[in-house]
C-alpha cells in the first residue's frame, strides 16, 4: 500500500509536476535571519516582505489546521544561448520563465487539480494553494520537502533538473511523512557569483535583492540607481545569468529563437498604454507596468552604444511618464552625439519634473565638450 508521500508524488507527476515532496509544518529556523534581513533594508521596494514575519516562519499562524506542506516544481524551457549581436540589432532579453502566459495562473490551476486528485485518497482533507504569493518562504519549504538544496545563487537546485522550474505549495491537514532533504552540491563553485554583473551575490548563500537585475527590472518601481544601470546589459525583464553559469543546468543548447524573449527595443519604446496592454495582457510582463518596462528599455538602449537608438530615445524624452523621460535622458548621455546633445538641451528648460531635469543636467555634463 503506497504511503501518503508516494500518493502525492504519483498524483503530482500525473499532472506534469517534475518534482514533488512533503514536509510536516513546524516553525522554520529562519526568524533571526529574516528579521536581520529586513532590518538591513534588503527588501528594497518590496515592502510587503517587511510584514507578516510570524506567518512566514510558521504558516499555522494563519492556518492552524495545516499539518503538512506539499511542494511541487513546474518546469520551464531553459533560455536559448544569448545572441552575440544585440547591440547591432537593438534587442533586449527577457528571463526564460516569463515566456508566454502568467505562470501564476497555470501553475495554480494545476495545484488545484492536484488537490482535487488527492481528496479521494484522504477523505475530508483540506487544501490551500500558493504560487509565489502569500507569506510562504517557498524555497525553504522546498528544501525541507526534499526537492533540492538552496544554491549559492539562492535559487533551488536539483541534481537532475538544475533550477529551471517554478515552485508551488499546497497546505493540507493530512499528515504526510517528510521527504528526505537533499545535501548541498555547490561545493566550492562560484560561477554564479563571478558572472553577476551587479554584485548581488555575496558568496555566503545570500543575495542583496537591491542589486539583483531581476529585482531592479521587475520589483523596483522608482529610478534605477545610476551605478547599477550599466550592469543590466540588455536585460529588460528578469535575468538568467546566474542560472546559465550554474553547472547543474548544463551547457545552453542551440534552439530555435523565440522572438518573445528577444524583443526589438525601439518597438517597445513606441508602445502607448493601449498597445502595451494589448501586447502583454495575461503575461508576467505586466508586473512592472508600461512605465517600468520602458524605463528598463531606455537603460538597455543606453547600454547598446548604438547611435541608431538615439532617435527613439529622443522621442522618449516626450513620454508622459517622468520615469521614462529620466532614463531616456541618461541613455542619451551614454550614447552622445550631436542629435543627443541637441535633444537634451532643448528639453532641459521646459522639463517640469525636477528628477528628469537633474538627469538631463548629468547627461549633458557627461557628454564630451
Protein backbone atom coordinates (compact mmCIF):
# COMPACT_ATOMS: atom_id res chain seq x y z
CA UNK A 1 0.00 0.00 0.00
CA UNK A 2 1.50 3.38 -1.00
CA UNK A 3 2.37 5.90 1.69
CA UNK A 4 0.78 9.38 1.68
CA UNK A 5 4.02 10.84 0.29
CA UNK A 6 4.07 8.27 -2.53
CA UNK A 7 0.45 9.11 -3.35
CA UNK A 8 1.32 12.82 -3.50
CA UNK A 9 4.29 12.21 -5.79
CA UNK A 10 2.33 9.92 -8.10
CA UNK A 11 -0.58 12.33 -8.50
CA UNK A 12 1.72 15.33 -8.92
CA UNK A 13 3.71 13.63 -11.65
CA UNK A 14 0.49 12.70 -13.43
CA UNK A 15 -0.24 16.43 -13.71
CA UNK A 16 3.18 17.28 -15.13
CA UNK A 17 4.99 18.40 -12.00
CA UNK A 18 8.60 17.24 -12.31
CA UNK A 19 9.28 17.21 -8.56
CA UNK A 20 7.08 16.77 -5.51
CA UNK A 21 7.83 16.45 -1.84
CA UNK A 22 6.29 16.84 1.58
CA UNK A 23 7.22 18.19 4.98
CA UNK A 24 5.39 18.40 8.31
CA UNK A 25 4.65 22.00 9.22
CA UNK A 26 6.55 23.39 12.16
CA UNK A 27 8.43 26.69 12.51
CA UNK A 28 11.30 27.32 10.12
CA UNK A 29 14.61 28.17 11.85
CA UNK A 30 14.86 31.45 9.93
CA UNK A 31 13.39 34.10 12.23
CA UNK A 32 16.71 35.70 13.23
CA UNK A 33 17.93 35.71 9.62
CA UNK A 34 14.67 37.15 8.31
CA UNK A 35 14.50 39.87 10.93
CA UNK A 36 18.11 40.86 10.25
CA UNK A 37 17.49 40.79 6.50
CA UNK A 38 14.52 43.14 6.91
CA UNK A 39 16.40 45.45 9.30
CA UNK A 40 19.19 45.81 6.73
CA UNK A 41 16.64 47.09 4.21
CA UNK A 42 17.23 44.26 1.78
CA UNK A 43 13.56 44.14 0.83
CA UNK A 44 14.07 47.40 -1.03
CA UNK A 45 10.76 48.47 -2.52
CA UNK A 46 9.22 45.04 -1.89
CA UNK A 47 7.66 46.45 1.26
CA UNK A 48 5.23 43.55 1.56
CA UNK A 49 8.20 41.46 2.71
CA UNK A 50 8.53 43.65 5.81
CA UNK A 51 5.20 42.39 7.08
CA UNK A 52 3.83 39.08 8.37
CA UNK A 53 7.13 37.70 9.63
CA UNK A 54 5.41 35.31 12.02
CA UNK A 55 3.35 33.82 9.19
CA UNK A 56 6.46 33.33 7.05
CA UNK A 57 8.16 31.41 9.84
CA UNK A 58 5.12 29.28 10.70
CA UNK A 59 2.14 29.06 8.28
CA UNK A 60 0.00 27.76 11.15
CA UNK A 61 -0.13 31.34 12.46
CA UNK A 62 -2.78 31.98 9.81
CA UNK A 63 -3.83 28.39 9.19
CA UNK A 64 -3.82 26.43 12.45
CA UNK A 65 -5.46 23.47 10.73
CA UNK A 66 -2.44 22.86 8.45
CA UNK A 67 -0.33 19.78 9.22
CA UNK A 68 1.82 19.30 6.11
CA UNK A 69 3.32 21.30 3.25
CA UNK A 70 3.30 19.75 -0.22
CA UNK A 71 5.81 21.42 -2.58
CA UNK A 72 5.90 20.83 -6.33
CA UNK A 73 8.05 22.04 -9.22
CA UNK A 74 6.79 23.01 -12.67
CA UNK A 75 9.41 23.11 -15.45
CA UNK A 76 10.01 25.81 -17.99
CA UNK A 77 12.18 25.84 -21.08
CA UNK A 78 15.80 26.89 -20.43
CA UNK A 79 16.87 30.13 -22.09
CA UNK A 80 18.47 29.89 -25.51
CA UNK A 81 22.11 30.93 -25.84
CA UNK A 82 22.28 34.75 -25.80
CA UNK A 83 22.67 36.50 -29.16
CA UNK A 84 26.06 37.98 -29.94
CA UNK A 85 24.73 40.94 -31.92
CA UNK A 86 22.15 42.51 -29.62
CA UNK A 87 23.85 45.90 -29.76
CA UNK A 88 23.58 45.98 -33.54
CA UNK A 89 20.04 44.60 -33.68
CA UNK A 90 18.86 46.51 -30.57
CA UNK A 91 17.23 43.50 -28.99
CA UNK A 92 16.68 43.10 -25.27
CA UNK A 93 16.44 39.93 -23.21
CA UNK A 94 13.60 38.58 -21.09
CA UNK A 95 14.10 35.85 -18.47
CA UNK A 96 13.05 32.44 -19.77
CA UNK A 97 10.43 31.81 -17.07
CA UNK A 98 8.39 34.79 -18.30
CA UNK A 99 7.70 33.32 -21.74
CA UNK A 100 4.02 33.03 -22.52
CA UNK A 101 1.09 33.33 -20.16
CA UNK A 102 1.46 34.22 -16.50
CA UNK A 103 2.84 31.20 -14.65
CA UNK A 104 0.82 32.08 -11.54
CA UNK A 105 -2.37 31.17 -13.37
CA UNK A 106 -1.43 27.87 -14.97
CA UNK A 107 0.61 26.51 -12.06
CA UNK A 108 -2.14 27.49 -9.62
CA UNK A 109 -4.72 25.73 -11.80
CA UNK A 110 -2.66 22.53 -11.70
CA UNK A 111 -2.21 22.82 -7.94
CA UNK A 112 -5.96 22.99 -7.56
CA UNK A 113 -6.29 19.94 -9.79
CA UNK A 114 -3.73 18.19 -7.61
CA UNK A 115 -5.81 18.97 -4.53
CA UNK A 116 -8.86 17.52 -6.28
CA UNK A 117 -6.95 14.33 -7.16
CA UNK A 118 -5.67 13.94 -3.60
CA UNK A 119 -9.04 14.47 -1.94
CA UNK A 120 -10.42 10.96 -2.68
CA UNK A 121 -7.29 9.39 -1.19
CA UNK A 122 -7.72 11.39 2.02
CA UNK A 123 -11.46 11.81 2.63
CA UNK A 124 -12.42 15.07 4.32
CA UNK A 125 -8.98 16.60 3.71
CA UNK A 126 -8.43 20.32 3.32
CA UNK A 127 -6.04 22.20 0.98
CA UNK A 128 -4.82 25.75 0.31
CA UNK A 129 -2.61 26.56 -2.68
CA UNK A 130 0.12 29.16 -3.21
CA UNK A 131 2.22 30.08 -6.23
CA UNK A 132 4.79 32.76 -5.41
CA UNK A 133 2.17 34.53 -3.31
CA UNK A 134 1.32 34.89 0.34
CA UNK A 135 3.68 34.71 3.32
CA UNK A 136 5.35 31.45 2.29
CA UNK A 137 9.15 31.05 2.23
CA UNK A 138 8.78 28.66 -0.65
CA UNK A 139 12.45 27.80 -1.23
CA UNK A 140 12.92 26.95 2.44
CA UNK A 141 9.91 24.66 2.29
CA UNK A 142 11.14 23.14 -0.96
CA UNK A 143 14.43 22.28 0.75
CA UNK A 144 12.61 20.82 3.73
CA UNK A 145 10.38 18.83 1.38
CA UNK A 146 13.42 17.26 -0.28
CA UNK A 147 13.11 18.90 -3.72
CA UNK A 148 16.71 20.09 -3.71
CA UNK A 149 19.16 22.38 -1.97
CA UNK A 150 19.49 26.15 -1.80
CA UNK A 151 22.22 27.06 -4.25
CA UNK A 152 24.87 29.68 -3.73
CA UNK A 153 22.81 31.91 -6.06
CA UNK A 154 19.88 31.44 -3.58
CA UNK A 155 17.77 29.51 -6.10
CA UNK A 156 16.64 25.95 -5.51
CA UNK A 157 18.84 23.40 -7.25
CA UNK A 158 18.21 19.75 -8.06
CA UNK A 159 20.90 17.49 -9.48
CA UNK A 160 18.85 16.14 -12.39
CA UNK A 161 16.74 19.23 -13.07
CA UNK A 162 19.01 22.16 -12.28
CA UNK A 163 16.96 25.25 -11.45
CA UNK A 164 14.73 25.83 -14.45
CA UNK A 165 11.44 25.27 -12.66
CA UNK A 166 8.81 27.17 -10.69
CA UNK A 167 7.55 26.24 -7.24
CA UNK A 168 4.04 25.79 -5.90
CA UNK A 169 2.75 24.82 -2.49
CA UNK A 170 -0.27 23.08 -1.03
CA UNK A 171 -1.03 23.36 2.66
CA UNK A 172 -3.04 20.41 3.90
CA UNK A 173 -4.38 18.95 7.12
CA UNK A 174 -3.22 15.49 6.04
CA UNK A 175 -0.26 14.07 7.96
CA UNK A 176 2.30 13.32 5.24
CA UNK A 177 5.68 11.90 6.15
CA UNK A 178 8.71 14.08 5.43
CA UNK A 179 10.74 13.60 2.27
CA UNK A 180 14.47 13.19 2.86
CA UNK A 181 16.31 16.51 2.45
CA UNK A 182 18.94 16.74 -0.29
CA UNK A 183 22.59 17.57 0.55
CA UNK A 184 24.32 20.67 -0.79
CA UNK A 185 26.18 20.05 -4.05
CA UNK A 186 27.52 23.55 -4.77
CA UNK A 187 30.89 22.66 -3.30
CA UNK A 188 33.49 25.34 -3.98
CA UNK A 189 31.88 26.51 -7.24
CA UNK A 190 31.43 30.30 -7.52
CA UNK A 191 30.40 30.64 -11.16
CA UNK A 192 27.11 32.32 -10.29
CA UNK A 193 28.89 34.90 -8.12
CA UNK A 194 31.53 35.57 -10.75
CA UNK A 195 29.01 36.13 -13.55
CA UNK A 196 26.69 38.54 -11.69
CA UNK A 197 27.41 41.99 -13.21
CA UNK A 198 25.91 43.98 -10.32
CA UNK A 199 27.50 42.08 -7.43
CA UNK A 200 24.20 40.93 -5.96
CA UNK A 201 25.52 37.58 -4.67
CA UNK A 202 27.60 37.61 -1.51
CA UNK A 203 29.05 34.11 -1.70
CA UNK A 204 27.58 33.00 1.63
CA UNK A 205 24.30 31.76 0.11
CA UNK A 206 22.73 35.20 0.47
CA UNK A 207 21.83 37.86 -2.03
CA UNK A 208 21.13 41.57 -1.84
CA UNK A 209 17.98 41.96 -3.96
CA UNK A 210 18.61 45.69 -4.27
CA UNK A 211 21.49 44.86 -6.61
CA UNK A 212 19.81 42.00 -8.45
CA UNK A 213 18.86 42.62 -12.08
CA UNK A 214 15.61 40.69 -11.65
CA UNK A 215 14.63 42.91 -8.73
CA UNK A 216 15.72 46.11 -10.47
CA UNK A 217 13.78 45.36 -13.66
CA UNK A 218 10.61 43.97 -12.06
CA UNK A 219 10.04 44.84 -8.40
CA UNK A 220 11.90 48.17 -8.19
CA UNK A 221 9.41 50.84 -9.24
CA UNK A 222 11.43 54.05 -9.00
CA UNK A 223 14.61 55.19 -10.74
CA UNK A 224 17.28 52.51 -11.11
CA UNK A 225 20.43 53.68 -9.28
CA UNK A 226 22.81 55.13 -11.87
CA UNK A 227 25.84 52.99 -10.90
CA UNK A 228 23.83 49.80 -11.49
CA UNK A 229 22.38 50.72 -14.89
CA UNK A 230 25.34 49.56 -16.99
CA UNK A 231 25.17 46.17 -15.27
CA UNK A 232 21.75 45.50 -16.77
CA UNK A 233 23.38 44.82 -20.12
CA UNK A 234 20.41 44.03 -22.35
CA UNK A 235 18.07 42.59 -19.68
CA UNK A 236 14.73 44.37 -19.69
CA UNK A 237 12.81 41.85 -17.55
CA UNK A 238 14.46 39.49 -15.12
CA UNK A 239 17.85 37.83 -15.58
CA UNK A 240 19.10 34.28 -16.22
CA UNK A 241 22.85 34.86 -15.89
CA UNK A 242 23.42 33.00 -12.61
CA UNK A 243 21.37 30.07 -13.86
CA UNK A 244 23.18 29.98 -17.20
CA UNK A 245 26.51 29.88 -15.35
CA UNK A 246 25.45 27.06 -13.00
CA UNK A 247 26.98 23.70 -14.00
CA UNK A 248 23.89 21.87 -12.72
CA UNK A 249 21.94 23.47 -15.57
CA UNK A 250 24.36 22.15 -18.16
CA UNK A 251 25.59 23.96 -21.26
CA UNK A 252 22.96 26.04 -23.11
CA UNK A 253 21.92 24.13 -26.19
CA UNK A 254 21.20 25.70 -29.58
CA UNK A 255 17.48 26.10 -30.03
CA UNK A 256 15.01 27.97 -32.16
CA UNK A 257 14.96 31.63 -31.23
CA UNK A 258 11.70 32.82 -29.71
CA UNK A 259 11.36 36.48 -30.55
CA UNK A 260 9.24 37.00 -27.44
CA UNK A 261 12.39 36.55 -25.34
CA UNK A 262 14.40 38.94 -27.55
CA UNK A 263 12.10 41.92 -28.19
CA UNK A 264 13.05 44.77 -30.51
CA UNK A 265 13.73 47.66 -28.15
CA UNK A 266 12.70 50.62 -30.36
CA UNK A 267 9.35 48.89 -30.94
CA UNK A 268 8.82 48.54 -27.19
CA UNK A 269 9.65 52.18 -26.62
CA UNK A 270 6.93 53.20 -29.06
CA UNK A 271 4.13 51.42 -27.14
CA UNK A 272 1.45 53.60 -25.64
CA UNK A 273 -0.75 52.38 -22.77
CA UNK A 274 -3.24 50.59 -25.01
CA UNK A 275 -0.58 48.94 -27.15
CA UNK A 276 1.31 47.79 -24.06
CA UNK A 277 -1.86 46.30 -22.60
CA UNK A 278 -2.73 44.56 -25.86
CA UNK A 279 0.73 43.06 -26.24
CA UNK A 280 1.38 41.90 -22.68
CA UNK A 281 -2.02 41.30 -21.08
CA UNK A 282 -2.05 37.95 -19.26
CA UNK A 283 1.76 37.65 -19.15
CA UNK A 284 4.33 38.26 -16.40
CA UNK A 285 5.41 41.37 -18.30
CA UNK A 286 2.50 43.25 -16.76
CA UNK A 287 4.26 43.21 -13.38
CA UNK A 288 6.48 46.31 -13.88
CA UNK A 289 3.82 48.02 -15.98
CA UNK A 290 4.48 50.12 -19.04
CA UNK A 291 6.48 52.73 -17.14
CA UNK A 292 8.78 50.12 -15.61
CA UNK A 293 9.34 48.17 -18.81
CA UNK A 294 10.02 51.31 -20.86
CA UNK A 295 12.36 52.58 -18.13
CA UNK A 296 14.32 49.34 -18.47
CA UNK A 297 14.23 49.62 -22.26
CA UNK A 298 15.79 53.08 -22.12
CA UNK A 299 18.60 51.80 -19.91
CA UNK A 300 19.37 48.92 -22.26
CA UNK A 301 19.35 51.22 -25.29
CA UNK A 302 21.83 53.39 -23.44
CA UNK A 303 23.97 50.31 -22.84
CA UNK A 304 23.92 49.36 -26.51
CA UNK A 305 26.39 52.01 -27.66
CA UNK A 306 24.44 52.07 -30.92
CA UNK A 307 23.68 55.56 -32.30
CA UNK A 308 20.67 54.10 -34.12
CA UNK A 309 18.93 54.18 -30.72
CA UNK A 310 19.16 57.98 -30.45
CA UNK A 311 16.02 58.92 -32.45
CA UNK A 312 13.68 56.68 -30.44
CA UNK A 313 15.23 57.89 -27.17
CA UNK A 314 14.72 61.48 -28.28
CA UNK A 315 11.06 60.60 -28.72
CA UNK A 316 11.01 59.09 -25.23
CA UNK A 317 12.05 62.47 -23.81
CA UNK A 318 8.45 63.48 -24.56
CA UNK A 319 6.86 60.45 -22.88
CA UNK A 320 4.04 61.17 -20.42
CA UNK A 321 5.87 59.23 -17.68
CA UNK A 322 8.65 61.18 -15.92
CA UNK A 323 10.37 57.90 -15.06
CA UNK A 324 10.70 57.06 -18.75
CA UNK A 325 11.94 60.54 -19.63
CA UNK A 326 14.50 60.36 -16.82
CA UNK A 327 16.07 57.15 -18.08
CA UNK A 328 15.87 58.26 -21.71
CA UNK A 329 17.97 61.29 -20.75
CA UNK A 330 20.54 59.05 -19.09
CA UNK A 331 20.68 56.82 -22.17
CA UNK A 332 21.19 59.78 -24.49
CA UNK A 333 24.05 60.93 -22.30
CA UNK A 334 25.61 57.50 -22.67
CA UNK A 335 25.24 57.41 -26.45
CA UNK A 336 26.25 61.02 -27.09
CA UNK A 337 26.45 62.72 -30.46
CA UNK A 338 25.07 65.97 -31.82
CA UNK A 339 21.44 64.80 -32.01
CA UNK A 340 21.50 63.57 -28.41
CA UNK A 341 23.02 66.82 -27.16
CA UNK A 342 20.53 68.96 -29.05
CA UNK A 343 17.56 66.98 -27.73
CA UNK A 344 18.81 67.22 -24.14
CA UNK A 345 19.50 70.95 -24.39
CA UNK A 346 16.12 71.63 -25.99
CA UNK A 347 14.29 69.64 -23.34
CA UNK A 348 16.15 70.93 -20.29
CA UNK A 349 14.32 74.19 -19.66
CA UNK A 350 10.69 73.16 -20.33
CA UNK A 351 11.00 69.84 -18.44
CA UNK A 352 8.59 70.07 -15.44
CA UNK A 353 9.98 67.22 -13.29
CA UNK A 354 12.97 68.02 -11.11
CA UNK A 355 14.30 64.44 -11.24
CA UNK A 356 14.24 64.49 -15.03
CA UNK A 357 15.93 67.90 -15.19
CA UNK A 358 18.64 66.60 -12.90
CA UNK A 359 19.16 63.59 -15.15
CA UNK A 360 19.37 65.85 -18.19
CA UNK A 361 21.98 68.03 -16.49
CA UNK A 362 24.02 64.96 -15.57
CA UNK A 363 23.74 63.61 -19.11
CA UNK A 364 24.90 66.88 -20.65
CA UNK A 365 27.79 67.04 -18.21
CA UNK A 366 28.84 63.54 -19.25
CA UNK A 367 28.97 64.44 -22.95
CA UNK A 368 32.34 65.44 -24.41
CA UNK A 369 32.72 69.19 -24.92
